[in-house]
């Protein structure tokens, strides 16, 4: 009853016997229960990226990363391109936070802004696969329509990944 109340098992299937005795109750795991079992996404992703890296040229790898970043950015609910940059930054932060980045932004001097992410969803992978850092750089660029410069990286031991951009007209 407790597992059913927590959504981890489905209602039992009752099997009646042809002979005297109590019915049998068969329980099945609910889809929500699957998250409690070990997964090997990181191991798989590491092997997949390693295999792709060995088979493709650097230019082809960059095209793949740009394509993945484009697909990710297309999922974000961004304001139109002519909206104030603050609205675009807020939308980018919401999108990144929904994916576990713990993002924020701040205005810097000289017409610049910094977008910081204090968690890396790919931390273990990014330590041996810099492609994930390049993917995030491409994603931030596409979300904001600006060219960021990376000033800090979690994979280098920094407290955050920091992307600094100069605002247009600054």
N, C-alpha and C. Protein backbone atom coordinates (compact mmCIF):
# COMPACT_ATOMS: atom_id res chain seq x y z
N UNK A 1 0.82 -1.20 0.00
CA UNK A 1 0.00 0.00 0.00
C UNK A 1 0.87 1.27 0.00
N UNK A 2 1.96 1.22 0.75
CA UNK A 2 2.85 2.38 0.80
C UNK A 2 3.49 2.60 -0.56
N UNK A 3 4.00 1.55 -1.19
CA UNK A 3 4.62 1.67 -2.52
C UNK A 3 3.61 2.15 -3.56
N UNK A 4 2.39 1.67 -3.45
CA UNK A 4 1.35 2.11 -4.37
C UNK A 4 1.03 3.58 -4.15
N UNK A 5 0.96 4.02 -2.89
CA UNK A 5 0.67 5.41 -2.58
C UNK A 5 1.77 6.33 -3.09
N UNK A 6 3.00 5.85 -3.11
CA UNK A 6 4.12 6.64 -3.62
C UNK A 6 4.28 6.54 -5.13
N UNK A 7 3.39 5.79 -5.78
CA UNK A 7 3.42 5.67 -7.24
C UNK A 7 4.53 4.77 -7.75
N UNK A 8 5.03 3.87 -6.92
CA UNK A 8 6.15 3.01 -7.32
C UNK A 8 5.69 1.65 -7.85
N UNK A 9 4.51 1.21 -7.46
CA UNK A 9 3.95 -0.03 -8.01
C UNK A 9 2.53 0.26 -8.47
N UNK A 10 2.12 -0.50 -9.47
CA UNK A 10 0.76 -0.35 -9.99
C UNK A 10 -0.19 -1.20 -9.16
N UNK A 11 -1.46 -0.97 -9.32
CA UNK A 11 -2.46 -1.78 -8.62
C UNK A 11 -2.24 -3.24 -8.99
N UNK A 12 -2.42 -4.13 -8.02
CA UNK A 12 -2.11 -5.54 -8.29
C UNK A 12 -3.10 -6.18 -9.25
N UNK A 13 -2.57 -7.13 -9.97
CA UNK A 13 -3.41 -7.97 -10.83
C UNK A 13 -3.82 -9.16 -9.96
N UNK A 14 -5.08 -9.43 -9.90
CA UNK A 14 -5.57 -10.52 -9.04
C UNK A 14 -5.75 -11.76 -9.90
N UNK A 15 -5.12 -12.85 -9.48
CA UNK A 15 -5.24 -14.13 -10.17
C UNK A 15 -6.00 -15.08 -9.25
N UNK A 16 -7.12 -15.53 -9.72
CA UNK A 16 -7.94 -16.46 -8.94
C UNK A 16 -7.52 -17.89 -9.28
N UNK A 17 -7.52 -18.72 -8.28
CA UNK A 17 -7.15 -20.12 -8.46
C UNK A 17 -8.39 -20.94 -8.83
N UNK A 18 -8.12 -22.06 -9.45
CA UNK A 18 -9.20 -23.01 -9.73
C UNK A 18 -9.47 -23.88 -8.52
N UNK A 19 -8.53 -23.85 -7.59
CA UNK A 19 -8.63 -24.67 -6.39
C UNK A 19 -8.88 -23.76 -5.20
N UNK A 20 -9.28 -24.33 -4.08
CA UNK A 20 -9.50 -23.49 -2.90
C UNK A 20 -8.21 -22.79 -2.48
N UNK A 21 -8.35 -21.64 -1.91
CA UNK A 21 -7.20 -20.86 -1.45
C UNK A 21 -7.37 -19.40 -1.78
N UNK A 22 -6.49 -18.64 -1.25
CA UNK A 22 -6.56 -17.20 -1.49
C UNK A 22 -6.10 -16.85 -2.90
N UNK A 23 -6.62 -15.76 -3.43
CA UNK A 23 -6.15 -15.33 -4.76
C UNK A 23 -4.70 -14.83 -4.67
N UNK A 24 -4.02 -14.88 -5.79
CA UNK A 24 -2.65 -14.37 -5.85
C UNK A 24 -2.68 -12.92 -6.36
N UNK A 25 -1.84 -12.10 -5.77
CA UNK A 25 -1.73 -10.69 -6.18
C UNK A 25 -0.38 -10.51 -6.85
N UNK A 26 -0.39 -10.06 -8.09
CA UNK A 26 0.84 -9.82 -8.83
C UNK A 26 1.02 -8.31 -8.98
N UNK A 27 2.16 -7.80 -8.50
CA UNK A 27 2.45 -6.37 -8.58
C UNK A 27 3.47 -6.12 -9.68
N UNK A 28 3.34 -4.99 -10.33
CA UNK A 28 4.30 -4.55 -11.36
C UNK A 28 4.84 -3.19 -10.97
N UNK A 29 6.10 -2.97 -11.34
CA UNK A 29 6.70 -1.65 -11.08
C UNK A 29 6.02 -0.60 -11.94
N UNK A 30 5.80 0.55 -11.36
CA UNK A 30 5.27 1.69 -12.11
C UNK A 30 6.44 2.39 -12.79
N UNK A 31 6.20 3.13 -13.86
CA UNK A 31 7.30 3.84 -14.54
C UNK A 31 8.14 4.72 -13.60
N UNK A 32 7.52 5.32 -12.58
CA UNK A 32 8.26 6.18 -11.65
C UNK A 32 9.30 5.40 -10.86
N UNK A 33 9.11 4.10 -10.69
CA UNK A 33 10.05 3.29 -9.91
C UNK A 33 11.37 3.09 -10.64
N UNK A 34 11.36 3.20 -11.96
CA UNK A 34 12.57 2.94 -12.74
C UNK A 34 13.70 3.91 -12.40
N UNK A 35 13.36 5.10 -11.94
CA UNK A 35 14.41 6.07 -11.61
C UNK A 35 15.20 5.65 -10.37
N UNK A 36 14.72 4.67 -9.62
CA UNK A 36 15.42 4.21 -8.42
C UNK A 36 16.46 3.14 -8.71
N UNK A 37 16.55 2.71 -9.96
CA UNK A 37 17.51 1.68 -10.33
C UNK A 37 18.71 2.32 -11.02
N UNK A 38 19.88 1.73 -10.86
CA UNK A 38 21.11 2.32 -11.43
C UNK A 38 21.02 2.46 -12.95
N UNK A 39 21.58 3.55 -13.44
CA UNK A 39 21.68 3.81 -14.87
C UNK A 39 23.15 4.05 -15.19
N UNK A 40 23.53 3.85 -16.44
CA UNK A 40 24.92 4.06 -16.83
C UNK A 40 24.99 5.08 -17.97
N UNK A 41 24.25 6.17 -17.83
CA UNK A 41 24.26 7.18 -18.88
C UNK A 41 25.64 7.79 -19.08
N UNK A 42 26.34 8.06 -17.99
CA UNK A 42 27.66 8.69 -18.11
C UNK A 42 28.64 7.77 -18.83
N UNK A 43 28.66 6.50 -18.46
CA UNK A 43 29.56 5.56 -19.11
C UNK A 43 29.25 5.44 -20.59
N UNK A 44 27.97 5.35 -20.91
CA UNK A 44 27.56 5.26 -22.31
C UNK A 44 27.94 6.52 -23.08
N UNK A 45 27.63 7.68 -22.51
CA UNK A 45 27.93 8.95 -23.19
C UNK A 45 29.44 9.11 -23.40
N UNK A 46 30.24 8.72 -22.40
CA UNK A 46 31.70 8.82 -22.54
C UNK A 46 32.18 7.95 -23.71
N UNK A 47 31.72 6.71 -23.78
CA UNK A 47 32.13 5.83 -24.87
C UNK A 47 31.64 6.34 -26.22
N UNK A 48 30.42 6.85 -26.25
CA UNK A 48 29.85 7.36 -27.50
C UNK A 48 30.66 8.55 -28.01
N UNK A 49 30.96 9.50 -27.13
CA UNK A 49 31.73 10.68 -27.54
C UNK A 49 33.14 10.27 -27.97
N UNK A 50 33.74 9.35 -27.25
CA UNK A 50 35.09 8.88 -27.62
C UNK A 50 35.09 8.25 -29.00
N UNK A 51 34.09 7.44 -29.27
CA UNK A 51 34.01 6.78 -30.58
C UNK A 51 33.78 7.81 -31.70
N UNK A 52 32.89 8.75 -31.45
CA UNK A 52 32.62 9.78 -32.46
C UNK A 52 33.88 10.61 -32.70
N UNK A 53 34.57 10.99 -31.63
CA UNK A 53 35.79 11.80 -31.74
C UNK A 53 36.84 11.09 -32.59
N UNK A 54 36.98 9.78 -32.42
CA UNK A 54 37.98 9.02 -33.18
C UNK A 54 37.63 8.91 -34.66
N UNK A 55 36.36 8.94 -34.99
CA UNK A 55 35.93 8.72 -36.37
C UNK A 55 35.74 9.99 -37.19
N UNK A 56 35.57 11.13 -36.51
CA UNK A 56 35.27 12.36 -37.24
C UNK A 56 36.43 13.35 -37.17
N UNK A 57 36.43 14.23 -38.14
CA UNK A 57 37.40 15.32 -38.10
C UNK A 57 36.94 16.35 -37.06
N UNK A 58 37.83 17.25 -36.71
CA UNK A 58 37.50 18.31 -35.75
C UNK A 58 36.34 19.16 -36.28
N UNK A 59 36.35 19.47 -37.57
CA UNK A 59 35.30 20.29 -38.17
C UNK A 59 33.95 19.57 -38.10
N UNK A 60 33.95 18.26 -38.37
CA UNK A 60 32.70 17.50 -38.29
C UNK A 60 32.18 17.44 -36.85
N UNK A 61 33.11 17.30 -35.91
CA UNK A 61 32.70 17.28 -34.50
C UNK A 61 32.09 18.61 -34.11
N UNK A 62 32.66 19.71 -34.55
CA UNK A 62 32.12 21.03 -34.24
C UNK A 62 30.73 21.21 -34.85
N UNK A 63 30.51 20.66 -36.05
CA UNK A 63 29.17 20.74 -36.68
C UNK A 63 28.14 19.96 -35.84
N UNK A 64 28.55 18.81 -35.33
CA UNK A 64 27.64 18.02 -34.49
C UNK A 64 27.32 18.79 -33.21
N UNK A 65 28.34 19.34 -32.55
CA UNK A 65 28.10 20.11 -31.33
C UNK A 65 27.19 21.30 -31.58
N UNK A 66 27.42 22.00 -32.68
CA UNK A 66 26.57 23.14 -33.03
C UNK A 66 25.14 22.69 -33.28
N UNK A 67 24.98 21.53 -33.91
CA UNK A 67 23.64 21.00 -34.16
C UNK A 67 22.92 20.62 -32.88
N UNK A 68 23.63 20.00 -31.95
CA UNK A 68 23.03 19.65 -30.66
C UNK A 68 22.64 20.92 -29.91
N UNK A 69 23.54 21.91 -29.90
CA UNK A 69 23.24 23.18 -29.23
C UNK A 69 22.03 23.84 -29.87
N UNK A 70 21.91 23.78 -31.18
CA UNK A 70 20.75 24.37 -31.88
C UNK A 70 19.46 23.67 -31.47
N UNK A 71 19.50 22.35 -31.37
CA UNK A 71 18.30 21.61 -30.96
C UNK A 71 17.92 21.97 -29.52
N UNK A 72 18.92 22.09 -28.66
CA UNK A 72 18.65 22.45 -27.27
C UNK A 72 18.06 23.85 -27.19
N UNK A 73 18.66 24.80 -27.90
CA UNK A 73 18.20 26.19 -27.88
C UNK A 73 16.79 26.30 -28.46
N UNK A 74 16.46 25.44 -29.42
CA UNK A 74 15.12 25.47 -30.01
C UNK A 74 14.06 25.06 -29.00
N UNK A 75 14.45 24.32 -27.96
CA UNK A 75 13.50 23.92 -26.92
C UNK A 75 13.19 25.06 -25.95
N UNK A 76 14.07 26.04 -25.89
CA UNK A 76 13.92 27.13 -24.93
C UNK A 76 12.82 28.09 -25.39
N UNK A 77 12.05 28.57 -24.43
CA UNK A 77 11.02 29.57 -24.71
C UNK A 77 11.67 30.94 -24.66
N UNK A 78 12.29 31.34 -25.76
CA UNK A 78 13.02 32.61 -25.81
C UNK A 78 12.14 33.72 -26.35
N UNK A 79 12.35 34.92 -25.86
CA UNK A 79 11.63 36.06 -26.44
C UNK A 79 12.17 36.34 -27.84
N UNK A 80 11.46 37.14 -28.62
CA UNK A 80 11.95 37.45 -29.97
C UNK A 80 13.32 38.13 -29.93
N UNK A 81 14.04 38.03 -31.03
CA UNK A 81 15.39 38.57 -31.12
C UNK A 81 15.50 40.06 -30.84
N UNK A 82 14.41 40.81 -31.04
CA UNK A 82 14.46 42.26 -30.80
C UNK A 82 14.07 42.62 -29.36
N UNK A 83 13.82 41.61 -28.52
CA UNK A 83 13.48 41.87 -27.11
C UNK A 83 14.72 42.36 -26.37
N UNK A 84 14.54 43.09 -25.29
CA UNK A 84 15.70 43.53 -24.50
C UNK A 84 16.54 42.33 -24.04
N UNK A 85 17.84 42.52 -24.00
CA UNK A 85 18.75 41.44 -23.65
C UNK A 85 18.45 40.88 -22.27
N UNK A 86 17.94 41.72 -21.36
CA UNK A 86 17.60 41.25 -20.02
C UNK A 86 16.53 40.15 -20.07
N UNK A 87 15.55 40.32 -20.95
CA UNK A 87 14.50 39.30 -21.10
C UNK A 87 15.09 38.00 -21.66
N UNK A 88 16.00 38.16 -22.59
CA UNK A 88 16.64 36.97 -23.18
C UNK A 88 17.52 36.26 -22.15
N UNK A 89 18.23 37.04 -21.34
CA UNK A 89 19.05 36.45 -20.27
C UNK A 89 18.18 35.73 -19.25
N UNK A 90 17.07 36.34 -18.86
CA UNK A 90 16.15 35.71 -17.91
C UNK A 90 15.62 34.39 -18.46
N UNK A 91 15.24 34.39 -19.74
CA UNK A 91 14.71 33.17 -20.37
C UNK A 91 15.80 32.10 -20.45
N UNK A 92 17.01 32.50 -20.78
CA UNK A 92 18.12 31.54 -20.85
C UNK A 92 18.39 30.93 -19.48
N UNK A 93 18.36 31.75 -18.44
CA UNK A 93 18.58 31.26 -17.07
C UNK A 93 17.48 30.28 -16.68
N UNK A 94 16.23 30.59 -17.00
CA UNK A 94 15.13 29.67 -16.70
C UNK A 94 15.33 28.32 -17.40
N UNK A 95 15.70 28.39 -18.68
CA UNK A 95 15.93 27.17 -19.46
C UNK A 95 17.07 26.35 -18.85
N UNK A 96 18.18 27.00 -18.56
CA UNK A 96 19.34 26.29 -18.00
C UNK A 96 19.02 25.71 -16.62
N UNK A 97 18.32 26.48 -15.79
CA UNK A 97 17.99 26.00 -14.45
C UNK A 97 17.06 24.79 -14.49
N UNK A 98 16.17 24.76 -15.46
CA UNK A 98 15.28 23.61 -15.61
C UNK A 98 16.05 22.35 -15.98
N UNK A 99 17.28 22.52 -16.44
CA UNK A 99 18.13 21.40 -16.82
C UNK A 99 19.28 21.18 -15.84
N UNK A 100 19.19 21.82 -14.67
CA UNK A 100 20.13 21.54 -13.59
C UNK A 100 21.40 22.35 -13.55
N UNK A 101 21.50 23.45 -14.28
CA UNK A 101 22.74 24.22 -14.34
C UNK A 101 22.95 25.17 -13.16
N UNK A 102 21.91 25.54 -12.44
CA UNK A 102 22.00 26.56 -11.38
C UNK A 102 22.62 27.85 -11.95
N UNK A 103 21.93 28.41 -12.92
CA UNK A 103 22.43 29.58 -13.66
C UNK A 103 21.93 30.89 -13.07
N UNK A 104 22.69 31.93 -13.33
CA UNK A 104 22.30 33.31 -12.99
C UNK A 104 23.08 34.23 -13.91
N UNK A 105 22.66 35.49 -13.96
CA UNK A 105 23.41 36.45 -14.76
C UNK A 105 23.55 37.74 -13.97
N UNK A 106 24.54 38.52 -14.36
CA UNK A 106 24.75 39.83 -13.73
C UNK A 106 25.35 40.78 -14.75
N UNK A 107 25.04 42.04 -14.53
CA UNK A 107 25.58 43.10 -15.38
C UNK A 107 26.96 43.48 -14.85
N UNK A 108 27.92 43.58 -15.76
CA UNK A 108 29.28 43.98 -15.40
C UNK A 108 29.52 45.40 -15.91
N UNK A 109 30.68 45.92 -15.67
CA UNK A 109 31.03 47.26 -16.17
C UNK A 109 31.30 47.21 -17.67
N UNK A 110 31.38 48.35 -18.27
CA UNK A 110 31.73 48.51 -19.68
C UNK A 110 30.79 47.78 -20.64
N UNK A 111 29.48 47.76 -20.33
CA UNK A 111 28.52 47.18 -21.26
C UNK A 111 28.64 45.67 -21.42
N UNK A 112 29.06 45.01 -20.38
CA UNK A 112 29.21 43.55 -20.46
C UNK A 112 28.26 42.89 -19.46
N UNK A 113 27.94 41.63 -19.75
CA UNK A 113 27.16 40.80 -18.82
C UNK A 113 27.88 39.47 -18.65
N UNK A 114 27.62 38.83 -17.52
CA UNK A 114 28.18 37.51 -17.27
C UNK A 114 27.03 36.56 -16.96
N UNK A 115 27.04 35.44 -17.62
CA UNK A 115 26.12 34.36 -17.29
C UNK A 115 26.96 33.28 -16.61
N UNK A 116 26.52 32.85 -15.42
CA UNK A 116 27.29 31.86 -14.66
C UNK A 116 26.43 30.64 -14.40
N UNK A 117 27.04 29.49 -14.52
CA UNK A 117 26.38 28.24 -14.15
C UNK A 117 27.21 27.61 -13.04
N UNK A 118 26.56 27.32 -11.92
CA UNK A 118 27.29 26.80 -10.76
C UNK A 118 27.19 25.28 -10.63
N UNK A 119 26.53 24.65 -11.56
CA UNK A 119 26.49 23.19 -11.61
C UNK A 119 26.64 22.77 -13.06
N UNK A 120 27.39 21.71 -13.26
CA UNK A 120 27.56 21.16 -14.60
C UNK A 120 26.85 19.82 -14.67
N UNK A 121 25.79 19.71 -15.45
CA UNK A 121 25.09 18.44 -15.57
C UNK A 121 25.97 17.34 -16.16
N UNK A 122 27.07 17.73 -16.79
CA UNK A 122 27.97 16.78 -17.44
C UNK A 122 29.33 16.73 -16.74
N UNK A 123 29.38 17.10 -15.47
CA UNK A 123 30.67 17.29 -14.79
C UNK A 123 31.63 16.12 -14.97
N UNK A 124 31.19 14.92 -14.67
CA UNK A 124 32.09 13.77 -14.79
C UNK A 124 32.54 13.58 -16.23
N UNK A 125 31.65 13.79 -17.17
CA UNK A 125 32.00 13.63 -18.58
C UNK A 125 32.91 14.74 -19.08
N UNK A 126 32.68 15.95 -18.62
CA UNK A 126 33.46 17.09 -19.13
C UNK A 126 34.91 17.06 -18.69
N UNK A 127 35.20 16.34 -17.61
CA UNK A 127 36.59 16.26 -17.17
C UNK A 127 37.47 15.52 -18.17
N UNK A 128 36.89 14.58 -18.91
CA UNK A 128 37.68 13.83 -19.90
C UNK A 128 37.19 14.07 -21.33
N UNK A 129 36.17 14.87 -21.49
CA UNK A 129 35.61 15.16 -22.82
C UNK A 129 35.29 16.65 -22.90
N UNK A 130 36.22 17.42 -23.38
CA UNK A 130 36.00 18.87 -23.44
C UNK A 130 34.88 19.26 -24.41
N UNK A 131 34.42 18.30 -25.19
CA UNK A 131 33.31 18.56 -26.10
C UNK A 131 32.08 19.07 -25.35
N UNK A 132 31.88 18.60 -24.13
CA UNK A 132 30.71 19.04 -23.37
C UNK A 132 30.83 20.52 -23.00
N UNK A 133 32.05 20.98 -22.73
CA UNK A 133 32.26 22.41 -22.46
C UNK A 133 32.01 23.22 -23.73
N UNK A 134 32.45 22.72 -24.86
CA UNK A 134 32.21 23.42 -26.12
C UNK A 134 30.72 23.42 -26.47
N UNK A 135 30.03 22.34 -26.12
CA UNK A 135 28.58 22.30 -26.33
C UNK A 135 27.89 23.38 -25.52
N UNK A 136 28.26 23.52 -24.26
CA UNK A 136 27.65 24.56 -23.42
C UNK A 136 27.96 25.96 -23.95
N UNK A 137 29.18 26.17 -24.42
CA UNK A 137 29.54 27.47 -25.00
C UNK A 137 28.65 27.77 -26.21
N UNK A 138 28.47 26.79 -27.08
CA UNK A 138 27.61 26.97 -28.25
C UNK A 138 26.16 27.20 -27.83
N UNK A 139 25.72 26.50 -26.79
CA UNK A 139 24.34 26.66 -26.31
C UNK A 139 24.12 28.07 -25.78
N UNK A 140 25.01 28.56 -24.94
CA UNK A 140 24.87 29.92 -24.40
C UNK A 140 24.87 30.93 -25.54
N UNK A 141 25.74 30.74 -26.51
CA UNK A 141 25.80 31.66 -27.65
C UNK A 141 24.47 31.66 -28.41
N UNK A 142 23.90 30.50 -28.63
CA UNK A 142 22.64 30.43 -29.37
C UNK A 142 21.46 30.94 -28.55
N UNK A 143 21.47 30.68 -27.25
CA UNK A 143 20.38 31.18 -26.41
C UNK A 143 20.34 32.70 -26.38
N UNK A 144 21.51 33.33 -26.38
CA UNK A 144 21.58 34.78 -26.21
C UNK A 144 21.83 35.54 -27.50
N UNK A 145 22.27 34.86 -28.54
CA UNK A 145 22.60 35.55 -29.79
C UNK A 145 23.84 36.41 -29.65
N UNK A 146 24.71 36.07 -28.71
CA UNK A 146 25.96 36.81 -28.48
C UNK A 146 27.12 35.83 -28.46
N UNK A 147 28.32 36.33 -28.66
CA UNK A 147 29.52 35.49 -28.60
C UNK A 147 30.12 35.58 -27.22
N UNK A 148 29.97 34.53 -26.39
CA UNK A 148 30.55 34.59 -25.04
C UNK A 148 32.03 34.22 -25.04
N UNK A 149 32.71 34.72 -24.03
CA UNK A 149 34.08 34.33 -23.74
C UNK A 149 34.04 33.59 -22.42
N UNK A 150 34.64 32.40 -22.39
CA UNK A 150 34.65 31.60 -21.16
C UNK A 150 35.77 32.12 -20.26
N UNK A 151 35.39 32.53 -19.04
CA UNK A 151 36.39 33.02 -18.09
C UNK A 151 36.68 32.03 -16.98
N UNK A 152 35.72 31.16 -16.69
CA UNK A 152 35.91 30.13 -15.66
C UNK A 152 35.25 28.85 -16.13
N UNK A 153 35.78 27.72 -15.65
CA UNK A 153 35.19 26.42 -15.97
C UNK A 153 35.18 25.54 -14.73
N UNK A 154 34.05 24.93 -14.48
CA UNK A 154 33.95 23.97 -13.38
C UNK A 154 34.91 22.81 -13.60
N UNK A 155 35.05 22.39 -14.86
CA UNK A 155 35.95 21.26 -15.17
C UNK A 155 37.41 21.59 -14.89
N UNK A 156 37.74 22.88 -14.76
CA UNK A 156 39.10 23.30 -14.40
C UNK A 156 39.25 23.51 -12.90
N UNK A 157 38.19 23.22 -12.15
CA UNK A 157 38.24 23.40 -10.70
C UNK A 157 37.67 24.72 -10.21
N UNK A 158 37.14 25.54 -11.13
CA UNK A 158 36.53 26.81 -10.73
C UNK A 158 35.16 26.54 -10.10
N UNK A 159 34.64 27.53 -9.39
CA UNK A 159 33.35 27.38 -8.70
C UNK A 159 32.18 27.44 -9.67
N UNK A 160 32.39 27.97 -10.86
CA UNK A 160 31.31 28.12 -11.83
C UNK A 160 31.90 28.14 -13.23
N UNK A 161 31.04 27.96 -14.21
CA UNK A 161 31.40 28.25 -15.60
C UNK A 161 30.88 29.68 -15.83
N UNK A 162 31.76 30.57 -16.25
CA UNK A 162 31.39 31.96 -16.45
C UNK A 162 31.55 32.32 -17.92
N UNK A 163 30.47 32.84 -18.49
CA UNK A 163 30.44 33.27 -19.89
C UNK A 163 30.24 34.78 -19.89
N UNK A 164 31.21 35.52 -20.37
CA UNK A 164 31.15 36.98 -20.38
C UNK A 164 30.93 37.45 -21.81
N UNK A 165 29.96 38.38 -21.96
CA UNK A 165 29.61 38.89 -23.28
C UNK A 165 29.53 40.40 -23.27
N UNK A 166 29.96 41.00 -24.35
CA UNK A 166 29.81 42.43 -24.54
C UNK A 166 28.49 42.66 -25.25
N UNK A 167 27.69 43.55 -24.69
CA UNK A 167 26.39 43.85 -25.27
C UNK A 167 26.54 44.68 -26.55
N UNK A 168 25.66 44.48 -27.51
CA UNK A 168 25.73 45.27 -28.73
C UNK A 168 25.63 46.76 -28.42
N UNK A 169 26.41 47.56 -29.11
CA UNK A 169 26.41 49.01 -28.93
C UNK A 169 27.22 49.47 -27.74
N UNK A 170 27.88 48.55 -27.04
CA UNK A 170 28.66 48.96 -25.85
C UNK A 170 30.09 49.28 -26.25
